[in-house]
């Protein structure tokens, strides 16, 4: 069985990875041909959180641009900026909740040591 501290550390790490993926997607929103990634959570070993990062192959919008005087068809990135920014809200809430559990466990251990000491 996983204890609360290990579960919360696992959760903080998972939400950090999700935030990294979101930041990378946002940074490449204007990069033609870029395919966004998605961080998917699942239960890991001993009840922790495991993260799998998958590439989303949905097509971007078709574009036409001039390169060296020639009209070239390209594809924009498939990143939806509104969706990425909206996804940051539950990511931050999950990160904060796991940090609060770590803080609470630290306070409980401190109180226990004060009682014993």
Protein backbone atom coordinates (compact mmCIF):
# COMPACT_ATOMS: atom_id res chain seq x y z
CA UNK A 1 0.00 0.00 0.00
CA UNK A 2 1.28 3.45 -0.90
CA UNK A 3 1.41 6.04 1.84
CA UNK A 4 -0.04 9.54 1.49
CA UNK A 5 3.33 11.20 1.04
CA UNK A 6 4.41 8.94 -1.83
CA UNK A 7 1.00 9.25 -3.48
CA UNK A 8 1.15 13.03 -3.30
CA UNK A 9 4.70 13.20 -4.62
CA UNK A 10 3.60 10.98 -7.48
CA UNK A 11 0.66 13.32 -8.10
CA UNK A 12 2.82 16.46 -8.03
CA UNK A 13 5.23 14.86 -10.51
CA UNK A 14 2.35 13.84 -12.80
CA UNK A 15 0.78 17.30 -12.78
CA UNK A 16 4.20 18.87 -13.46
CA UNK A 17 4.56 16.61 -16.50
CA UNK A 18 1.08 17.63 -17.69
CA UNK A 19 2.03 21.29 -17.26
CA UNK A 20 5.25 20.69 -19.25
CA UNK A 21 3.23 19.16 -22.09
CA UNK A 22 0.76 22.05 -22.04
CA UNK A 23 3.59 24.61 -22.04
CA UNK A 24 5.22 22.89 -25.03
CA UNK A 25 1.91 22.88 -26.90
CA UNK A 26 1.36 26.59 -26.20
CA UNK A 27 4.93 27.45 -27.23
CA UNK A 28 4.35 25.76 -30.60
CA UNK A 29 0.85 27.07 -31.34
CA UNK A 30 2.19 29.03 -34.36
CA UNK A 31 4.60 26.34 -35.60
CA UNK A 32 3.29 24.99 -38.92
CA UNK A 33 2.88 21.22 -38.91
CA UNK A 34 3.32 20.87 -35.13
CA UNK A 35 1.25 18.08 -33.57
CA UNK A 36 0.19 18.66 -29.98
CA UNK A 37 0.71 16.14 -27.20
CA UNK A 38 -1.61 15.01 -24.44
CA UNK A 39 -0.62 13.79 -20.97
CA UNK A 40 -2.84 10.91 -19.90
CA UNK A 41 -2.98 9.76 -16.27
CA UNK A 42 -3.44 6.20 -15.07
CA UNK A 43 -2.85 4.29 -11.87
CA UNK A 44 0.78 3.38 -11.48
CA UNK A 45 2.60 0.90 -9.33
CA UNK A 46 1.45 0.77 -5.71
CA UNK A 47 -1.37 3.26 -6.33
CA UNK A 48 0.76 6.16 -7.58
CA UNK A 49 0.08 8.16 -10.71
CA UNK A 50 1.59 7.15 -14.03
CA UNK A 51 1.73 9.56 -16.99
CA UNK A 52 1.71 8.58 -20.63
CA UNK A 53 2.36 11.30 -23.21
CA UNK A 54 0.72 10.71 -26.59
CA UNK A 55 0.92 12.72 -29.78
CA UNK A 56 -2.47 13.87 -31.09
CA UNK A 57 -2.51 13.41 -34.87
CA UNK A 58 -5.59 15.51 -35.62
CA UNK A 59 -4.89 17.69 -38.66
CA UNK A 60 -4.31 21.42 -38.36
CA UNK A 61 -5.90 23.95 -40.67
CA UNK A 62 -4.61 23.99 -44.28
CA UNK A 63 -2.67 27.11 -45.20
CA UNK A 64 -1.05 28.53 -48.28
CA UNK A 65 2.11 30.59 -47.99
CA UNK A 66 4.66 31.97 -50.40
CA UNK A 67 8.17 30.51 -50.16
CA UNK A 68 10.76 31.85 -52.61
CA UNK A 69 7.98 33.20 -54.82
CA UNK A 70 6.08 29.88 -54.97
CA UNK A 71 2.73 29.14 -53.37
CA UNK A 72 3.24 26.26 -50.92
CA UNK A 73 0.47 24.38 -49.12
CA UNK A 74 1.19 23.76 -45.45
CA UNK A 75 -0.72 22.79 -42.36
CA UNK A 76 -0.96 24.85 -39.20
CA UNK A 77 -0.42 23.29 -35.79
CA UNK A 78 -3.35 21.41 -34.30
CA UNK A 79 -3.03 23.22 -30.95
CA UNK A 80 -6.21 24.86 -29.68
CA UNK A 81 -4.95 27.67 -27.46
CA UNK A 82 -8.26 28.05 -25.62
CA UNK A 83 -8.36 24.34 -24.78
CA UNK A 84 -4.74 24.38 -23.59
CA UNK A 85 -5.28 27.39 -21.33
CA UNK A 86 -8.52 25.92 -19.98
CA UNK A 87 -6.77 22.63 -19.19
CA UNK A 88 -4.32 24.50 -16.98
CA UNK A 89 -7.07 25.22 -14.42
CA UNK A 90 -7.60 21.61 -13.23
CA UNK A 91 -3.87 20.98 -13.60
CA UNK A 92 -3.10 23.77 -11.15
CA UNK A 93 -5.87 22.61 -8.79
CA UNK A 94 -4.51 19.05 -8.79
CA UNK A 95 -0.97 20.28 -8.23
CA UNK A 96 -2.09 22.49 -5.33
CA UNK A 97 -4.16 19.70 -3.75
CA UNK A 98 -1.22 17.29 -3.77
CA UNK A 99 1.06 19.94 -2.28
CA UNK A 100 -1.51 20.55 0.48
CA UNK A 101 -1.48 16.83 1.34
CA UNK A 102 2.32 16.93 1.58
CA UNK A 103 2.14 20.02 3.81
CA UNK A 104 -0.52 18.43 6.04
CA UNK A 105 1.47 15.23 6.45
CA UNK A 106 4.55 17.28 7.34
CA UNK A 107 2.55 19.14 10.00
CA UNK A 108 1.16 15.86 11.37
CA UNK A 109 4.61 14.29 11.64
CA UNK A 110 5.90 17.47 13.29
CA UNK A 111 3.07 17.42 15.84
CA UNK A 112 3.71 13.72 16.53
CA UNK A 113 7.42 14.35 17.09
CA UNK A 114 6.62 17.28 19.39
CA UNK A 115 4.28 15.03 21.38
CA UNK A 116 6.83 12.25 21.65
CA UNK A 117 9.73 14.62 22.38
